[in-house]
Amino acid sequence: MSGWKRRKRGKRHRAARAPGRNRAAGLAAVAAAAAALCGACGDGARESAERGAEDLRAVATTGMVADVVRQIAGERMRVTGLMGPGVDPHLYKASAGDVRSLASADIIFYNGLHLEAAMGEVLEEMSGRSLTVPVADGIAPERRISSEYFVGSWDPHVWFDVELWASTTVAVEQALVRLDPDGEAGYRGRAVAYRDTLAKLEGWVRARVAELPEERRILVTAHDAFGYFGRAYGFEVVGLQGISTVTEAGTADVQRIAELVVDRKIPAIFVETSVSQRTIEAVQAAVRDRGEEVRIGGSLFSDAMGSAGTPEGTYPGMVRHNVNTIVDALLTGEDAE
């Protein structure tokens, strides 16, 4: 985080919804941006014609990025994800084994927007050896959310807006075609199919959220990862820690959130699978000290997905789990777990 200037923490924000925007149409228009994004892929790709496509190797940092790559690469390429369930990408440092995997990869995909901050030097070094693709860097600045905590930086948690995350498929699709032109038809076909899956997921999220009255759409979490979710689906989002988990919550933050919970009669607050739950439990205790009760509404997948082989181990499954957990807990006030 060197070189970043901190702003005063503790803001609540209600992210503005995009007025009159047809998000389903936005998903359909994603493919039109493909050519513009291809130039961001970088150099250093190996010629796939020199060996069989089955020998090509892709490495992705987070589970969300790896899932997109697997959907579009299909069986044509081996895809390795570095960060498993419960891993915090803000703090993750590449192990010796990770460096070997990265060095042997034909193509590397990562989120970008400074999410993988502790891996920055390693990723920069690899950019001179392999084709490296920061999938979120192609999102236009006007569609990003500025960080409230660090001057001149962006909130990297773009996957919480399904329509926005769908735009990253373009960068993945174009990079795979560039690396392996012989597989172009398959890559493009799978990309189209996956964008259709995400368009349907977007519609489901909106329908599920519509069950929750607007006055109950207040989401309190361990760290401020849900800004894009709030902007897209009309939630007021309050995080104990900043956008990066490098910033730690203090006693004043706990008391501030507890006061908000009591004043707004918020029925549930949420822990995250990749962040310690002790600060959320501290908020719960502080609310109790004020003579009120608030439930832990469930555990959300924020910076990491679930285990492989489970529904939550895929991006659509992770989204469905989060939305169901949030809506059920805030709608009924009962523990969603």
Protein backbone atom coordinates (compact mmCIF):
# COMPACT_ATOMS: atom_id res chain seq x y z
CA MET A 1 0.00 0.00 0.00
CA SER A 2 3.03 2.28 -0.20
CA GLY A 3 2.42 5.64 -1.82
CA TRP A 4 -1.30 5.72 -1.08
CA LYS A 5 -2.68 8.59 0.94
CA ARG A 6 -5.33 7.65 3.45
CA ARG A 7 -8.52 9.57 3.80
CA LYS A 8 -10.56 9.73 6.96
CA ARG A 9 -12.32 6.42 7.43
CA GLY A 10 -15.78 5.78 8.76
CA LYS A 11 -17.98 6.94 5.91
CA ARG A 12 -21.27 5.29 5.13
CA HIS A 13 -22.30 5.41 1.54
CA ARG A 14 -25.40 4.68 -0.45
CA ALA A 15 -24.12 4.05 -3.95
CA ALA A 16 -26.26 5.68 -6.61
CA ARG A 17 -28.16 3.38 -8.93
CA ALA A 18 -27.65 3.88 -12.64
CA PRO A 19 -30.88 5.66 -13.67
CA GLY A 20 -32.76 4.21 -16.64
CA ARG A 21 -29.94 1.88 -17.59
CA ASN A 22 -30.99 -1.36 -19.26
CA ARG A 23 -28.57 -3.76 -17.62
CA ALA A 24 -29.68 -6.75 -19.69
CA ALA A 25 -28.88 -4.74 -22.81
CA GLY A 26 -25.56 -3.86 -21.23
CA LEU A 27 -24.72 -7.54 -20.98
CA ALA A 28 -25.59 -8.08 -24.63
CA ALA A 29 -23.37 -5.14 -25.61
CA VAL A 30 -20.30 -6.47 -23.81
CA ALA A 31 -19.00 -8.27 -26.89
CA ALA A 32 -18.87 -4.98 -28.82
CA ALA A 33 -16.01 -3.81 -26.58
CA ALA A 34 -13.82 -6.83 -27.33
CA ALA A 35 -11.50 -5.26 -29.86
CA ALA A 36 -10.85 -2.22 -27.67
CA LEU A 37 -9.84 -4.34 -24.70
CA CYS A 38 -7.51 -6.69 -26.57
CA GLY A 39 -4.71 -4.14 -26.57
CA ALA A 40 -4.50 -4.31 -22.77
CA CYS A 41 -3.42 -7.95 -22.80
CA GLY A 42 0.31 -7.29 -22.88
CA ASP A 43 3.11 -9.07 -24.68
CA GLY A 44 5.04 -12.27 -24.18
CA ALA A 45 2.60 -14.94 -25.43
CA ARG A 46 4.12 -18.16 -26.67
CA GLU A 47 3.12 -19.50 -30.05
CA SER A 48 0.52 -22.20 -29.40
CA ALA A 49 1.24 -23.69 -32.81
CA GLU A 50 4.58 -24.98 -31.50
CA ARG A 51 2.82 -27.58 -29.33
CA GLY A 52 -0.62 -29.00 -28.72
CA ALA A 53 -3.28 -26.81 -27.17
CA GLU A 54 -3.68 -29.35 -24.36
CA ASP A 55 -0.20 -28.34 -23.18
CA LEU A 56 -1.19 -24.70 -22.73
CA ARG A 57 -1.36 -23.54 -19.13
CA ALA A 58 -3.25 -20.62 -17.61
CA VAL A 59 -2.84 -19.34 -14.05
CA ALA A 60 -5.38 -17.08 -12.33
CA THR A 61 -5.08 -15.35 -8.97
CA THR A 62 -8.52 -15.29 -7.31
CA GLY A 63 -11.26 -17.89 -7.50
CA MET A 64 -13.58 -15.45 -9.28
CA VAL A 65 -11.05 -14.80 -12.04
CA ALA A 66 -10.19 -18.50 -12.33
CA ASP A 67 -13.87 -19.36 -12.74
CA VAL A 68 -14.29 -16.99 -15.69
CA VAL A 69 -11.17 -18.38 -17.34
CA ARG A 70 -12.32 -21.99 -16.89
CA GLN A 71 -15.73 -21.23 -18.36
CA ILE A 72 -14.24 -19.73 -21.51
CA ALA A 73 -11.16 -21.95 -21.88
CA GLY A 74 -13.18 -25.13 -21.45
CA GLU A 75 -11.23 -28.37 -21.89
CA ARG A 76 -8.76 -26.77 -24.27
CA MET A 77 -6.45 -25.41 -21.56
CA ARG A 78 -5.33 -26.33 -18.05
CA VAL A 79 -6.30 -23.59 -15.60
CA THR A 80 -4.73 -23.25 -12.14
CA GLY A 81 -6.12 -20.92 -9.47
CA LEU A 82 -3.68 -19.66 -6.84
CA MET A 83 -6.03 -18.46 -4.09
CA GLY A 84 -8.43 -20.94 -2.56
CA PRO A 85 -11.40 -20.61 -0.17
CA GLY A 86 -10.96 -18.18 2.70
CA VAL A 87 -7.89 -16.51 1.19
CA ASP A 88 -7.63 -12.72 1.40
CA PRO A 89 -6.21 -11.41 -1.92
CA HIS A 90 -5.35 -8.02 -0.40
CA LEU A 91 -2.75 -9.65 1.84
CA TYR A 92 -1.81 -12.72 -0.21
CA LYS A 93 1.86 -13.13 -0.99
CA ALA A 94 3.05 -15.54 -3.67
CA SER A 95 4.74 -18.67 -2.33
CA ALA A 96 7.71 -20.29 -4.04
CA GLY A 97 5.31 -22.78 -5.59
CA ASP A 98 3.10 -19.95 -6.88
CA VAL A 99 6.10 -18.29 -8.50
CA ARG A 100 6.97 -21.55 -10.23
CA SER A 101 3.38 -21.90 -11.47
CA LEU A 102 3.38 -18.33 -12.73
CA ALA A 103 6.75 -18.73 -14.42
CA SER A 104 5.61 -21.85 -16.28
CA ALA A 105 2.28 -20.37 -17.40
CA ASP A 106 1.57 -19.37 -20.97
CA ILE A 107 -0.95 -16.82 -19.78
CA ILE A 108 -1.71 -15.20 -16.40
CA PHE A 109 -5.03 -13.65 -15.41
CA TYR A 110 -5.52 -11.43 -12.36
CA ASN A 111 -8.16 -9.00 -11.14
CA GLY A 112 -6.13 -5.79 -11.21
CA LEU A 113 -7.20 -2.43 -9.76
CA HIS A 114 -4.69 -3.12 -6.99
CA LEU A 115 -6.64 -6.05 -5.52
CA GLU A 116 -3.59 -8.33 -5.43
CA ALA A 117 -1.50 -5.61 -3.82
CA ALA A 118 1.05 -7.86 -2.12
CA MET A 119 1.66 -9.70 -5.42
CA GLY A 120 2.28 -6.53 -7.41
CA GLU A 121 6.02 -6.98 -7.92
CA VAL A 122 5.68 -10.65 -8.86
CA LEU A 123 2.96 -9.92 -11.42
CA GLU A 124 5.01 -7.08 -12.87
CA GLU A 125 7.99 -9.38 -13.24
CA MET A 126 5.88 -12.05 -14.97
CA SER A 127 4.50 -9.55 -17.47
CA GLY A 128 7.81 -9.70 -19.30
CA ARG A 129 7.65 -13.49 -19.60
CA SER A 130 4.05 -14.43 -20.26
CA LEU A 131 0.87 -12.86 -21.54
CA THR A 132 -0.61 -11.16 -18.46
CA VAL A 133 -4.21 -9.98 -18.31
CA PRO A 134 -5.65 -7.72 -15.55
CA VAL A 135 -9.29 -8.51 -16.30
CA ALA A 136 -10.85 -5.54 -14.47
CA ASP A 137 -8.48 -2.90 -15.82
CA GLY A 138 -10.48 -2.74 -19.04
CA ILE A 139 -13.56 -1.46 -17.20
CA ALA A 140 -14.04 2.19 -18.09
CA PRO A 141 -13.18 4.61 -15.25
CA GLU A 142 -16.69 6.06 -15.24
CA ARG A 143 -18.04 2.62 -14.36
CA ARG A 144 -15.63 2.11 -11.45
CA ILE A 145 -16.09 3.27 -7.88
CA SER A 146 -13.41 5.52 -6.42
CA SER A 147 -11.91 4.44 -3.14
CA GLU A 148 -13.13 6.46 -0.17
CA TYR A 149 -10.07 5.45 1.80
CA PHE A 150 -7.12 5.95 -0.57
CA VAL A 151 -6.66 8.94 -2.87
CA GLY A 152 -6.32 8.11 -6.56
CA SER A 153 -7.35 4.46 -6.31
CA TRP A 154 -10.34 2.34 -7.28
CA ASP A 155 -12.51 -0.14 -5.45
CA PRO A 156 -11.39 -3.47 -7.00
CA HIS A 157 -14.41 -5.57 -5.92
CA VAL A 158 -16.15 -5.33 -9.30
CA TRP A 159 -17.49 -8.92 -9.22
CA PHE A 160 -20.30 -7.90 -6.85
CA ASP A 161 -22.07 -6.23 -9.79
CA VAL A 162 -22.94 -9.16 -12.05
CA GLU A 163 -23.43 -7.06 -15.17
CA LEU A 164 -20.13 -5.29 -14.64
CA TRP A 165 -18.28 -8.55 -13.95
CA ALA A 166 -19.64 -9.92 -17.23
CA SER A 167 -17.57 -7.31 -19.05
CA THR A 168 -14.39 -9.05 -17.85
CA THR A 169 -15.25 -12.01 -20.06
CA VAL A 170 -14.27 -9.89 -23.03
CA ALA A 171 -10.70 -9.47 -21.82
CA VAL A 172 -10.45 -13.20 -21.11
CA GLU A 173 -11.93 -14.19 -24.45
CA GLN A 174 -9.67 -11.92 -26.47
CA ALA A 175 -6.53 -12.95 -24.59
CA LEU A 176 -7.22 -16.66 -25.12
CA VAL A 177 -7.84 -16.10 -28.82
CA ARG A 178 -4.60 -14.16 -29.08
CA LEU A 179 -2.66 -16.93 -27.36
CA ASP A 180 -4.34 -19.81 -29.19
CA PRO A 181 -5.91 -18.69 -32.49
CA ASP A 182 -6.75 -22.27 -33.47
CA GLY A 183 -9.20 -22.42 -30.57
CA GLU A 184 -10.97 -19.18 -31.48
CA ALA A 185 -14.36 -20.65 -32.37
CA GLY A 186 -14.57 -22.54 -29.08
CA TYR A 187 -13.45 -19.59 -26.97
CA ARG A 188 -15.92 -17.23 -28.58
CA GLY A 189 -18.79 -19.69 -28.37
CA ARG A 190 -18.19 -20.42 -24.69
CA ALA A 191 -17.83 -16.71 -23.94
CA VAL A 192 -21.21 -15.99 -25.52
CA ALA A 193 -22.81 -18.84 -23.57
CA TYR A 194 -21.29 -17.65 -20.29
CA ARG A 195 -22.45 -14.09 -20.85
CA ASP A 196 -25.96 -15.48 -21.35
CA THR A 197 -25.61 -17.34 -18.03
CA LEU A 198 -24.58 -14.11 -16.30
CA ALA A 199 -27.46 -12.18 -17.88
CA LYS A 200 -29.89 -14.68 -16.38
CA LEU A 201 -28.08 -14.48 -13.05
CA GLU A 202 -28.43 -10.69 -13.11
CA GLY A 203 -32.17 -11.02 -13.61
CA TRP A 204 -32.42 -13.49 -10.73
CA VAL A 205 -30.50 -11.17 -8.38
CA ARG A 206 -32.82 -8.27 -9.16
CA ALA A 207 -35.92 -10.37 -8.63
CA ARG A 208 -34.62 -11.73 -5.32
CA VAL A 209 -33.59 -8.29 -4.04
CA ALA A 210 -37.01 -6.89 -4.99
CA GLU A 211 -38.48 -9.06 -2.22
CA LEU A 212 -36.70 -6.88 0.35
CA PRO A 213 -38.27 -3.49 1.17
CA GLU A 214 -35.95 -0.61 0.36
CA GLU A 215 -35.82 0.60 3.96
CA ARG A 216 -34.32 -2.77 4.95
CA ARG A 217 -31.55 -2.69 2.37
CA ILE A 218 -28.72 -1.81 4.76
CA LEU A 219 -25.76 -4.17 4.50
CA VAL A 220 -23.24 -4.17 7.38
CA THR A 221 -20.13 -6.30 6.74
CA ALA A 222 -16.62 -6.86 8.04
CA HIS A 223 -14.91 -4.81 5.33
CA ASP A 224 -16.09 -2.42 2.66
CA ALA A 225 -16.16 -4.88 -0.23
CA PHE A 226 -19.79 -4.52 -1.30
CA GLY A 227 -19.83 -1.03 -2.84
CA TYR A 228 -20.56 -2.31 -6.36
CA PHE A 229 -23.30 -4.53 -4.96
CA GLY A 230 -24.85 -1.54 -3.23
CA ARG A 231 -24.70 0.65 -6.32
CA ALA A 232 -26.14 -2.02 -8.60
CA TYR A 233 -28.94 -3.29 -6.39
CA GLY A 234 -29.87 -0.34 -4.19
CA PHE A 235 -28.25 -1.17 -0.83
CA GLU A 236 -26.67 1.15 1.68
CA VAL A 237 -23.36 -0.51 2.45
CA VAL A 238 -21.42 -0.09 5.69
CA GLY A 239 -18.07 -1.77 6.24
CA LEU A 240 -16.04 -1.93 9.45
CA GLN A 241 -12.71 -2.02 7.65
CA GLY A 242 -11.79 -0.15 4.51
CA ILE A 243 -11.81 -1.42 0.93
CA SER A 244 -8.52 -3.16 1.66
CA THR A 245 -8.26 -5.39 4.72
CA VAL A 246 -4.85 -3.83 5.36
CA THR A 247 -6.81 -1.09 7.15
CA GLU A 248 -7.91 -2.35 10.54
CA ALA A 249 -11.07 -1.46 12.37
CA GLY A 250 -10.69 0.26 15.73
CA THR A 251 -12.87 0.74 18.81
CA ALA A 252 -14.37 3.91 17.37
CA ASP A 253 -15.44 2.04 14.22
CA VAL A 254 -17.10 -0.68 16.30
CA GLN A 255 -18.99 1.88 18.37
CA ARG A 256 -20.03 3.83 15.29
CA ILE A 257 -21.49 0.75 13.62
CA ALA A 258 -23.21 -0.36 16.82
CA GLU A 259 -24.90 3.02 17.13
CA LEU A 260 -26.03 2.79 13.51
CA VAL A 261 -27.46 -0.69 14.06
CA VAL A 262 -29.45 0.47 17.08
CA ASP A 263 -30.65 3.72 15.50
CA ARG A 264 -31.73 2.08 12.23
CA LYS A 265 -33.03 -1.11 13.86
CA ILE A 266 -30.94 -3.26 11.54
CA PRO A 267 -31.89 -6.91 12.19
CA ALA A 268 -28.70 -8.60 10.97
CA ILE A 269 -25.03 -7.98 10.24
CA PHE A 270 -22.68 -10.25 8.31
CA VAL A 271 -19.30 -11.93 8.63
CA GLU A 272 -17.10 -12.82 5.63
CA THR A 273 -15.30 -16.05 4.86
CA SER A 274 -11.96 -14.36 4.16
CA VAL A 275 -11.99 -11.86 7.06
CA SER A 276 -11.82 -12.51 10.79
CA GLN A 277 -15.27 -12.35 12.37
CA ARG A 278 -14.06 -10.93 15.68
CA THR A 279 -14.83 -7.30 14.75
CA ILE A 280 -18.38 -8.15 13.71
CA GLU A 281 -18.79 -10.04 16.97
CA ALA A 282 -17.48 -6.92 18.74
CA VAL A 283 -20.25 -4.90 17.06
CA GLN A 284 -22.79 -7.47 18.23
CA ALA A 285 -21.51 -7.12 21.79
CA ALA A 286 -21.57 -3.31 21.58
CA VAL A 287 -25.18 -3.43 20.41
CA ARG A 288 -26.00 -5.69 23.36
CA ASP A 289 -24.36 -3.16 25.69
CA ARG A 290 -26.90 -0.64 24.40
CA GLY A 291 -29.75 -2.94 25.45
CA GLU A 292 -30.53 -4.23 21.95
CA GLU A 293 -29.78 -7.38 19.93
CA VAL A 294 -28.54 -7.90 16.39
CA ARG A 295 -28.07 -11.28 14.74
CA ILE A 296 -25.14 -12.55 12.70
CA GLY A 297 -27.13 -12.99 9.51
CA GLY A 298 -24.72 -15.43 7.92
CA SER A 299 -21.32 -15.68 6.28
CA LEU A 300 -20.75 -13.99 2.93
CA PHE A 301 -18.19 -14.82 0.28
CA SER A 302 -16.43 -11.53 -0.37
CA ASP A 303 -12.84 -11.84 -1.63
CA ALA A 304 -12.86 -15.62 -2.09
CA MET A 305 -15.33 -18.23 -3.30
CA GLY A 306 -16.32 -21.52 -1.68
CA SER A 307 -14.65 -24.92 -1.97
CA ALA A 308 -14.23 -26.60 -5.33
CA GLY A 309 -17.05 -29.00 -6.12
CA THR A 310 -19.66 -26.99 -4.19
CA PRO A 311 -22.17 -24.53 -5.70
CA GLU A 312 -20.38 -21.69 -3.87
CA GLY A 313 -17.14 -22.75 -5.58
CA THR A 314 -18.43 -21.17 -8.78
CA TYR A 315 -19.10 -17.49 -9.40
CA PRO A 316 -22.86 -17.88 -10.03
CA GLY A 317 -23.17 -20.13 -6.97
CA MET A 318 -21.27 -17.65 -4.82
CA VAL A 319 -23.57 -14.82 -5.96
CA ARG A 320 -26.70 -16.84 -5.26
CA HIS A 321 -25.46 -17.78 -1.80
CA ASN A 322 -24.67 -14.16 -0.91
CA VAL A 323 -27.94 -12.75 -2.19
CA ASN A 324 -30.06 -15.43 -0.52
CA THR A 325 -28.17 -14.97 2.76
CA ILE A 326 -28.55 -11.19 2.71
CA VAL A 327 -32.20 -11.08 1.68
CA ASP A 328 -33.32 -13.86 4.03
CA ALA A 329 -31.54 -12.36 7.05
CA LEU A 330 -32.69 -8.78 6.47
CA LEU A 331 -36.22 -9.82 5.52
CA THR A 332 -36.91 -11.99 8.53
CA GLY A 333 -34.21 -11.02 11.04
CA GLU A 334 -33.47 -14.71 11.46
CA ASP A 335 -30.04 -16.33 11.12
CA ALA A 336 -29.68 -17.36 7.48
CA GLU A 337 -27.19 -20.10 8.23
